[in-house]
Amino acid sequence: MWDSTFDETLRSYLPFLPAEEALTEETPLREYGLDSLATVELLSVLEQSYNVRFEDDALNLETFENPGRLWTTLSALQPAS
């Protein structure tokens, strides 16, 4: 599962997700308000927060389909600890 930074950051871009509703791996991000402009902003914030750079092949609708896919992609970009 992801960390609290990811959860809080992602929630801030989902205006239609009630605060009390759980963010799951399968939560459909577009249905909860993640539009194209918000996606670009979210991408920038995630790159800064995690000190990574999304590669061109990760910049597609599938990556931003749900939190599970997005976290998997983000995790793969982070150096192994």
PDB file of N, CA and C in Angstrom:
ATOM      1  N   MET A   1       0.847  -1.182   0.000  1.00  0.00           N
ATOM      2  CA  MET A   1       0.000   0.000   0.000  1.00  0.00           C
ATOM      3  C   MET A   1       0.891   1.244   0.000  1.00  0.00           C
ATOM      4  N   TRP A   2       0.324   2.352  -0.331  1.00  0.00           N
ATOM      5  CA  TRP A   2       1.084   3.599  -0.452  1.00  0.00           C
ATOM      6  C   TRP A   2       1.220   4.324   0.876  1.00  0.00           C
ATOM      7  N   ASP A   3       2.023   5.383   0.852  1.00  0.00           N
ATOM      8  CA  ASP A   3       2.255   6.156   2.071  1.00  0.00           C
ATOM      9  C   ASP A   3       1.250   7.302   2.205  1.00  0.00           C
ATOM     10  N   SER A   4       1.310   7.993   3.338  1.00  0.00           N
ATOM     11  CA  SER A   4       0.336   9.050   3.613  1.00  0.00           C
ATOM     12  C   SER A   4       0.506  10.255   2.687  1.00  0.00           C
ATOM     13  N   THR A   5       1.720  10.532   2.260  1.00  0.00           N
ATOM     14  CA  THR A   5       1.937  11.644   1.328  1.00  0.00           C
ATOM     15  C   THR A   5       1.182  11.414   0.036  1.00  0.00           C
ATOM     16  N   PHE A   6       1.268  10.202  -0.492  1.00  0.00           N
ATOM     17  CA  PHE A   6       0.566   9.857  -1.729  1.00  0.00           C
ATOM     18  C   PHE A   6      -0.937   9.988  -1.533  1.00  0.00           C
ATOM     19  N   ASP A   7      -1.441   9.453  -0.444  1.00  0.00           N
ATOM     20  CA  ASP A   7      -2.872   9.494  -0.154  1.00  0.00           C
ATOM     21  C   ASP A   7      -3.369  10.936  -0.062  1.00  0.00           C
ATOM     22  N   GLU A   8      -2.684  11.739   0.722  1.00  0.00           N
ATOM     23  CA  GLU A   8      -3.095  13.134   0.909  1.00  0.00           C
ATOM     24  C   GLU A   8      -2.996  13.934  -0.391  1.00  0.00           C
ATOM     25  N   THR A   9      -1.922  13.726  -1.125  1.00  0.00           N
ATOM     26  CA  THR A   9      -1.733  14.442  -2.394  1.00  0.00           C
ATOM     27  C   THR A   9      -2.821  14.070  -3.378  1.00  0.00           C
ATOM     28  N   LEU A  10      -3.062  12.784  -3.535  1.00  0.00           N
ATOM     29  CA  LEU A  10      -4.063  12.332  -4.494  1.00  0.00           C
ATOM     30  C   LEU A  10      -5.456  12.820  -4.110  1.00  0.00           C
ATOM     31  N   ARG A  11      -5.794  12.731  -2.855  1.00  0.00           N
ATOM     32  CA  ARG A  11      -7.108  13.199  -2.394  1.00  0.00           C
ATOM     33  C   ARG A  11      -7.336  14.676  -2.728  1.00  0.00           C
ATOM     34  N   SER A  12      -6.298  15.472  -2.685  1.00  0.00           N
ATOM     35  CA  SER A  12      -6.446  16.903  -2.954  1.00  0.00           C
ATOM     36  C   SER A  12      -6.835  17.181  -4.404  1.00  0.00           C
ATOM     37  N   TYR A  13      -6.681  16.194  -5.277  1.00  0.00           N
ATOM     38  CA  TYR A  13      -7.061  16.337  -6.685  1.00  0.00           C
ATOM     39  C   TYR A  13      -8.360  15.605  -7.025  1.00  0.00           C
ATOM     40  N   LEU A  14      -9.052  15.123  -6.008  1.00  0.00           N
ATOM     41  CA  LEU A  14     -10.302  14.387  -6.210  1.00  0.00           C
ATOM     42  C   LEU A  14     -11.444  15.109  -5.500  1.00  0.00           C
ATOM     43  N   PRO A  15     -11.984  16.155  -6.113  1.00  0.00           N
ATOM     44  CA  PRO A  15     -12.998  16.969  -5.447  1.00  0.00           C
ATOM     45  C   PRO A  15     -14.310  16.242  -5.148  1.00  0.00           C
ATOM     46  N   PHE A  16     -14.584  15.144  -5.842  1.00  0.00           N
ATOM     47  CA  PHE A  16     -15.847  14.432  -5.631  1.00  0.00           C
ATOM     48  C   PHE A  16     -15.710  13.219  -4.718  1.00  0.00           C
ATOM     49  N   LEU A  17     -14.533  13.033  -4.119  1.00  0.00           N
ATOM     50  CA  LEU A  17     -14.326  11.928  -3.184  1.00  0.00           C
ATOM     51  C   LEU A  17     -14.609  12.433  -1.774  1.00  0.00           C
ATOM     52  N   PRO A  18     -15.668  11.917  -1.137  1.00  0.00           N
ATOM     53  CA  PRO A  18     -15.974  12.350   0.228  1.00  0.00           C
ATOM     54  C   PRO A  18     -14.809  12.050   1.173  1.00  0.00           C
ATOM     55  N   ALA A  19     -14.567  12.946   2.110  1.00  0.00           N
ATOM     56  CA  ALA A  19     -13.441  12.810   3.041  1.00  0.00           C
ATOM     57  C   ALA A  19     -13.482  11.492   3.813  1.00  0.00           C
ATOM     58  N   GLU A  20     -14.683  11.013   4.098  1.00  0.00           N
ATOM     59  CA  GLU A  20     -14.801   9.782   4.887  1.00  0.00           C
ATOM     60  C   GLU A  20     -14.696   8.510   4.039  1.00  0.00           C
ATOM     61  N   GLU A  21     -14.690   8.656   2.722  1.00  0.00           N
ATOM     62  CA  GLU A  21     -14.614   7.481   1.835  1.00  0.00           C
ATOM     63  C   GLU A  21     -13.166   7.040   1.662  1.00  0.00           C
ATOM     64  N   ALA A  22     -12.946   5.741   1.767  1.00  0.00           N
ATOM     65  CA  ALA A  22     -11.604   5.186   1.620  1.00  0.00           C
ATOM     66  C   ALA A  22     -11.123   5.306   0.178  1.00  0.00           C
ATOM     67  N   LEU A  23      -9.852   5.582   0.036  1.00  0.00           N
ATOM     68  CA  LEU A  23      -9.201   5.601  -1.268  1.00  0.00           C
ATOM     69  C   LEU A  23      -8.591   4.222  -1.446  1.00  0.00           C
ATOM     70  N   THR A  24      -9.126   3.437  -2.390  1.00  0.00           N
ATOM     71  CA  THR A  24      -8.656   2.072  -2.591  1.00  0.00           C
ATOM     72  C   THR A  24      -7.839   1.983  -3.871  1.00  0.00           C
ATOM     73  N   GLU A  25      -7.220   0.840  -4.084  1.00  0.00           N
ATOM     74  CA  GLU A  25      -6.419   0.636  -5.295  1.00  0.00           C
ATOM     75  C   GLU A  25      -7.252   0.794  -6.559  1.00  0.00           C
ATOM     76  N   GLU A  26      -8.543   0.489  -6.482  1.00  0.00           N
ATOM     77  CA  GLU A  26      -9.402   0.510  -7.661  1.00  0.00           C
ATOM     78  C   GLU A  26     -10.288   1.757  -7.778  1.00  0.00           C
ATOM     79  N   THR A  27     -10.136   2.732  -6.902  1.00  0.00           N
ATOM     80  CA  THR A  27     -10.951   3.944  -6.974  1.00  0.00           C
ATOM     81  C   THR A  27     -10.769   4.592  -8.346  1.00  0.00           C
ATOM     82  N   PRO A  28     -11.846   4.771  -9.109  1.00  0.00           N
ATOM     83  CA  PRO A  28     -11.726   5.366 -10.447  1.00  0.00           C
ATOM     84  C   PRO A  28     -11.483   6.880 -10.348  1.00  0.00           C
ATOM     85  N   LEU A  29     -10.261   7.290 -10.619  1.00  0.00           N
ATOM     86  CA  LEU A  29      -9.872   8.683 -10.399  1.00  0.00           C
ATOM     87  C   LEU A  29     -10.671   9.678 -11.232  1.00  0.00           C
ATOM     88  N   ARG A  30     -10.928   9.376 -12.471  1.00  0.00           N
ATOM     89  CA  ARG A  30     -11.684  10.309 -13.316  1.00  0.00           C
ATOM     90  C   ARG A  30     -13.110  10.497 -12.807  1.00  0.00           C
ATOM     91  N   GLU A  31     -13.706   9.456 -12.272  1.00  0.00           N
ATOM     92  CA  GLU A  31     -15.073   9.560 -11.747  1.00  0.00           C
ATOM     93  C   GLU A  31     -15.142  10.460 -10.513  1.00  0.00           C
ATOM     94  N   TYR A  32     -14.017  10.618  -9.825  1.00  0.00           N
ATOM     95  CA  TYR A  32     -13.986  11.451  -8.633  1.00  0.00           C
ATOM     96  C   TYR A  32     -13.382  12.834  -8.900  1.00  0.00           C
ATOM     97  N   GLY A  33     -13.227  13.185 -10.179  1.00  0.00           N
ATOM     98  CA  GLY A  33     -12.876  14.558 -10.534  1.00  0.00           C
ATOM     99  C   GLY A  33     -11.478  14.814 -11.044  1.00  0.00           C
ATOM    100  N   LEU A  34     -10.681  13.781 -11.284  1.00  0.00           N
ATOM    101  CA  LEU A  34      -9.343  14.000 -11.822  1.00  0.00           C
ATOM    102  C   LEU A  34      -9.454  14.243 -13.329  1.00  0.00           C
ATOM    103  N   ASP A  35      -9.424  15.519 -13.726  1.00  0.00           N
ATOM    104  CA  ASP A  35      -9.500  15.861 -15.147  1.00  0.00           C
ATOM    105  C   ASP A  35      -8.093  16.038 -15.710  1.00  0.00           C
ATOM    106  N   SER A  36      -7.996  16.435 -16.966  1.00  0.00           N
ATOM    107  CA  SER A  36      -6.688  16.502 -17.620  1.00  0.00           C
ATOM    108  C   SER A  36      -5.777  17.552 -16.988  1.00  0.00           C
ATOM    109  N   LEU A  37      -6.312  18.704 -16.633  1.00  0.00           N
ATOM    110  CA  LEU A  37      -5.498  19.739 -16.001  1.00  0.00           C
ATOM    111  C   LEU A  37      -5.009  19.277 -14.628  1.00  0.00           C
ATOM    112  N   ALA A  38      -5.885  18.674 -13.858  1.00  0.00           N
ATOM    113  CA  ALA A  38      -5.516  18.167 -12.535  1.00  0.00           C
ATOM    114  C   ALA A  38      -4.469  17.054 -12.659  1.00  0.00           C
ATOM    115  N   THR A  39      -4.557  16.258 -13.700  1.00  0.00           N
ATOM    116  CA  THR A  39      -3.588  15.184 -13.914  1.00  0.00           C
ATOM    117  C   THR A  39      -2.188  15.758 -14.107  1.00  0.00           C
ATOM    118  N   VAL A  40      -2.079  16.812 -14.902  1.00  0.00           N
ATOM    119  CA  VAL A  40      -0.786  17.451 -15.133  1.00  0.00           C
ATOM    120  C   VAL A  40      -0.250  18.045 -13.832  1.00  0.00           C
ATOM    121  N   GLU A  41      -1.108  18.696 -13.066  1.00  0.00           N
ATOM    122  CA  GLU A  41      -0.688  19.270 -11.787  1.00  0.00           C
ATOM    123  C   GLU A  41      -0.258  18.171 -10.813  1.00  0.00           C
ATOM    124  N   LEU A  42      -1.044  17.096 -10.749  1.00  0.00           N
ATOM    125  CA  LEU A  42      -0.724  15.968  -9.874  1.00  0.00           C
ATOM    126  C   LEU A  42       0.616  15.361 -10.259  1.00  0.00           C
ATOM    127  N   LEU A  43       0.844  15.192 -11.529  1.00  0.00           N
ATOM    128  CA  LEU A  43       2.100  14.639 -12.027  1.00  0.00           C
ATOM    129  C   LEU A  43       3.283  15.468 -11.528  1.00  0.00           C
ATOM    130  N   SER A  44       3.171  16.770 -11.648  1.00  0.00           N
ATOM    131  CA  SER A  44       4.240  17.670 -11.207  1.00  0.00           C
ATOM    132  C   SER A  44       4.477  17.558  -9.701  1.00  0.00           C
ATOM    133  N   VAL A  45       3.406  17.530  -8.923  1.00  0.00           N
ATOM    134  CA  VAL A  45       3.531  17.432  -7.468  1.00  0.00           C
ATOM    135  C   VAL A  45       4.161  16.097  -7.067  1.00  0.00           C
ATOM    136  N   LEU A  46       3.752  15.018  -7.703  1.00  0.00           N
ATOM    137  CA  LEU A  46       4.328  13.706  -7.385  1.00  0.00           C
ATOM    138  C   LEU A  46       5.807  13.655  -7.738  1.00  0.00           C
ATOM    139  N   GLU A  47       6.173  14.227  -8.876  1.00  0.00           N
ATOM    140  CA  GLU A  47       7.585  14.242  -9.260  1.00  0.00           C
ATOM    141  C   GLU A  47       8.412  15.011  -8.240  1.00  0.00           C
ATOM    142  N   GLN A  48       7.892  16.123  -7.764  1.00  0.00           N
ATOM    143  CA  GLN A  48       8.614  16.914  -6.766  1.00  0.00           C
ATOM    144  C   GLN A  48       8.653  16.216  -5.411  1.00  0.00           C
ATOM    145  N   SER A  49       7.538  15.667  -4.999  1.00  0.00           N
ATOM    146  CA  SER A  49       7.450  15.033  -3.686  1.00  0.00           C
ATOM    147  C   SER A  49       8.333  13.799  -3.564  1.00  0.00           C
ATOM    148  N   TYR A  50       8.423  13.039  -4.655  1.00  0.00           N
ATOM    149  CA  TYR A  50       9.159  11.774  -4.614  1.00  0.00           C
ATOM    150  C   TYR A  50      10.495  11.842  -5.347  1.00  0.00           C
ATOM    151  N   ASN A  51      10.835  13.034  -5.842  1.00  0.00           N
ATOM    152  CA  ASN A  51      12.103  13.231  -6.536  1.00  0.00           C
ATOM    153  C   ASN A  51      12.305  12.200  -7.653  1.00  0.00           C
ATOM    154  N   VAL A  52      11.292  12.089  -8.500  1.00  0.00           N
ATOM    155  CA  VAL A  52      11.338  11.166  -9.632  1.00  0.00           C
ATOM    156  C   VAL A  52      10.932  11.932 -10.895  1.00  0.00           C
ATOM    157  N   ARG A  53      11.067  11.265 -12.010  1.00  0.00           N
ATOM    158  CA  ARG A  53      10.643  11.817 -13.294  1.00  0.00           C
ATOM    159  C   ARG A  53       9.852  10.734 -14.019  1.00  0.00           C
ATOM    160  N   PHE A  54       8.593  11.032 -14.330  1.00  0.00           N
ATOM    161  CA  PHE A  54       7.780  10.079 -15.074  1.00  0.00           C
ATOM    162  C   PHE A  54       8.305  10.003 -16.505  1.00  0.00           C
ATOM    163  N   GLU A  55       8.547   8.813 -16.972  1.00  0.00           N
ATOM    164  CA  GLU A  55       9.002   8.591 -18.347  1.00  0.00           C
ATOM    165  C   GLU A  55       7.824   8.723 -19.296  1.00  0.00           C
ATOM    166  N   ASP A  56       8.109   8.980 -20.558  1.00  0.00           N
ATOM    167  CA  ASP A  56       7.055   9.178 -21.552  1.00  0.00           C
ATOM    168  C   ASP A  56       6.080   8.008 -21.622  1.00  0.00           C
ATOM    169  N   ASP A  57       6.585   6.781 -21.486  1.00  0.00           N
ATOM    170  CA  ASP A  57       5.691   5.621 -21.588  1.00  0.00           C
ATOM    171  C   ASP A  57       4.728   5.517 -20.407  1.00  0.00           C
ATOM    172  N   ALA A  58       4.985   6.252 -19.331  1.00  0.00           N
ATOM    173  CA  ALA A  58       4.085   6.249 -18.172  1.00  0.00           C
ATOM    174  C   ALA A  58       3.041   7.360 -18.253  1.00  0.00           C
ATOM    175  N   LEU A  59       3.190   8.233 -19.228  1.00  0.00           N
ATOM    176  CA  LEU A  59       2.273   9.364 -19.359  1.00  0.00           C
ATOM    177  C   LEU A  59       1.096   8.974 -20.251  1.00  0.00           C
ATOM    178  N   ASN A  60       0.183   8.211 -19.674  1.00  0.00           N
ATOM    179  CA  ASN A  60      -0.999   7.767 -20.406  1.00  0.00           C
ATOM    180  C   ASN A  60      -2.178   7.658 -19.449  1.00  0.00           C
ATOM    181  N   LEU A  61      -3.349   7.511 -20.014  1.00  0.00           N
ATOM    182  CA  LEU A  61      -4.562   7.449 -19.192  1.00  0.00           C
ATOM    183  C   LEU A  61      -4.575   6.261 -18.244  1.00  0.00           C
ATOM    184  N   GLU A  62      -3.978   5.151 -18.664  1.00  0.00           N
ATOM    185  CA  GLU A  62      -3.988   3.957 -17.827  1.00  0.00           C
ATOM    186  C   GLU A  62      -3.227   4.185 -16.518  1.00  0.00           C
ATOM    187  N   THR A  63      -2.120   4.910 -16.573  1.00  0.00           N
ATOM    188  CA  THR A  63      -1.338   5.186 -15.367  1.00  0.00           C
ATOM    189  C   THR A  63      -2.175   5.926 -14.335  1.00  0.00           C
ATOM    190  N   PHE A  64      -3.029   6.826 -14.811  1.00  0.00           N
ATOM    191  CA  PHE A  64      -3.837   7.662 -13.920  1.00  0.00           C
ATOM    192  C   PHE A  64      -5.278   7.157 -13.807  1.00  0.00           C
ATOM    193  N   GLU A  65      -5.485   5.879 -14.103  1.00  0.00           N
ATOM    194  CA  GLU A  65      -6.817   5.278 -14.030  1.00  0.00           C
ATOM    195  C   GLU A  65      -7.292   5.109 -12.593  1.00  0.00           C
ATOM    196  N   ASN A  66      -6.387   4.639 -11.733  1.00  0.00           N
ATOM    197  CA  ASN A  66      -6.743   4.411 -10.332  1.00  0.00           C
ATOM    198  C   ASN A  66      -5.484   4.517  -9.467  1.00  0.00           C
ATOM    199  N   PRO A  67      -5.646   4.649  -8.166  1.00  0.00           N
ATOM    200  CA  PRO A  67      -4.485   4.797  -7.286  1.00  0.00           C
ATOM    201  C   PRO A  67      -3.513   3.616  -7.343  1.00  0.00           C
ATOM    202  N   GLY A  68      -4.027   2.426  -7.524  1.00  0.00           N
ATOM    203  CA  GLY A  68      -3.157   1.250  -7.572  1.00  0.00           C
ATOM    204  C   GLY A  68      -2.166   1.325  -8.719  1.00  0.00           C
ATOM    205  N   ARG A  69      -2.654   1.647  -9.906  1.00  0.00           N
ATOM    206  CA  ARG A  69      -1.763   1.756 -11.069  1.00  0.00           C
ATOM    207  C   ARG A  69      -0.784   2.910 -10.914  1.00  0.00           C
ATOM    208  N   LEU A  70      -1.286   4.031 -10.417  1.00  0.00           N
ATOM    209  CA  LEU A  70      -0.429   5.200 -10.252  1.00  0.00           C
ATOM    210  C   LEU A  70       0.682   4.923  -9.237  1.00  0.00           C
ATOM    211  N   TRP A  71       0.331   4.298  -8.116  1.00  0.00           N
ATOM    212  CA  TRP A  71       1.343   3.983  -7.097  1.00  0.00           C
ATOM    213  C   TRP A  71       2.361   2.979  -7.622  1.00  0.00           C
ATOM    214  N   THR A  72       1.905   1.987  -8.368  1.00  0.00           N
ATOM    215  CA  THR A  72       2.818   0.999  -8.941  1.00  0.00           C
ATOM    216  C   THR A  72       3.819   1.672  -9.866  1.00  0.00           C
ATOM    217  N   THR A  73       3.333   2.574 -10.707  1.00  0.00           N
ATOM    218  CA  THR A  73       4.207   3.304 -11.621  1.00  0.00           C
ATOM    219  C   THR A  73       5.180   4.184 -10.848  1.00  0.00           C
ATOM    220  N   LEU A  74       4.671   4.917  -9.877  1.00  0.00           N
ATOM    221  CA  LEU A  74       5.507   5.798  -9.061  1.00  0.00           C
ATOM    222  C   LEU A  74       6.554   4.995  -8.296  1.00  0.00           C
ATOM    223  N   SER A  75       6.176   3.888  -7.743  1.00  0.00           N
ATOM    224  CA  SER A  75       7.102   3.040  -6.973  1.00  0.00           C
ATOM    225  C   SER A  75       8.235   2.520  -7.849  1.00  0.00           C
ATOM    226  N   ALA A  76       7.917   2.190  -9.086  1.00  0.00           N
ATOM    227  CA  ALA A  76       8.927   1.675 -10.003  1.00  0.00           C
ATOM    228  C   ALA A  76       9.960   2.748 -10.366  1.00  0.00           C
ATOM    229  N   LEU A  77       9.589   4.001 -10.251  1.00  0.00           N
ATOM    230  CA  LEU A  77      10.510   5.097 -10.586  1.00  0.00           C
ATOM    231  C   LEU A  77      11.463   5.440  -9.448  1.00  0.00           C
ATOM    232  N   GLN A  78      11.118   5.033  -8.245  1.00  0.00           N
ATOM    233  CA  GLN A  78      11.921   5.362  -7.066  1.00  0.00           C
ATOM    234  C   GLN A  78      13.101   4.415  -6.961  1.00  0.00           C
ATOM    235  N   PRO A  79      14.251   4.939  -6.550  1.00  0.00           N
ATOM    236  CA  PRO A  79      15.415   4.067  -6.381  1.00  0.00           C
ATOM    237  C   PRO A  79      15.175   3.050  -5.264  1.00  0.00           C
ATOM    238  N   ALA A  80      15.710   1.876  -5.445  1.00  0.00           N
ATOM    239  CA  ALA A  80      15.580   0.828  -4.419  1.00  0.00           C
ATOM    240  C   ALA A  80      16.321   1.264  -3.158  1.00  0.00           C
ATOM    241  N   SER A  81      15.702   0.962  -2.030  1.00  0.00           N
ATOM    242  CA  SER A  81      16.358   1.373  -0.767  1.00  0.00           C
ATOM    243  C   SER A  81      16.952   0.179  -0.046  1.00  0.00           C
TER     244      SER A  81
END
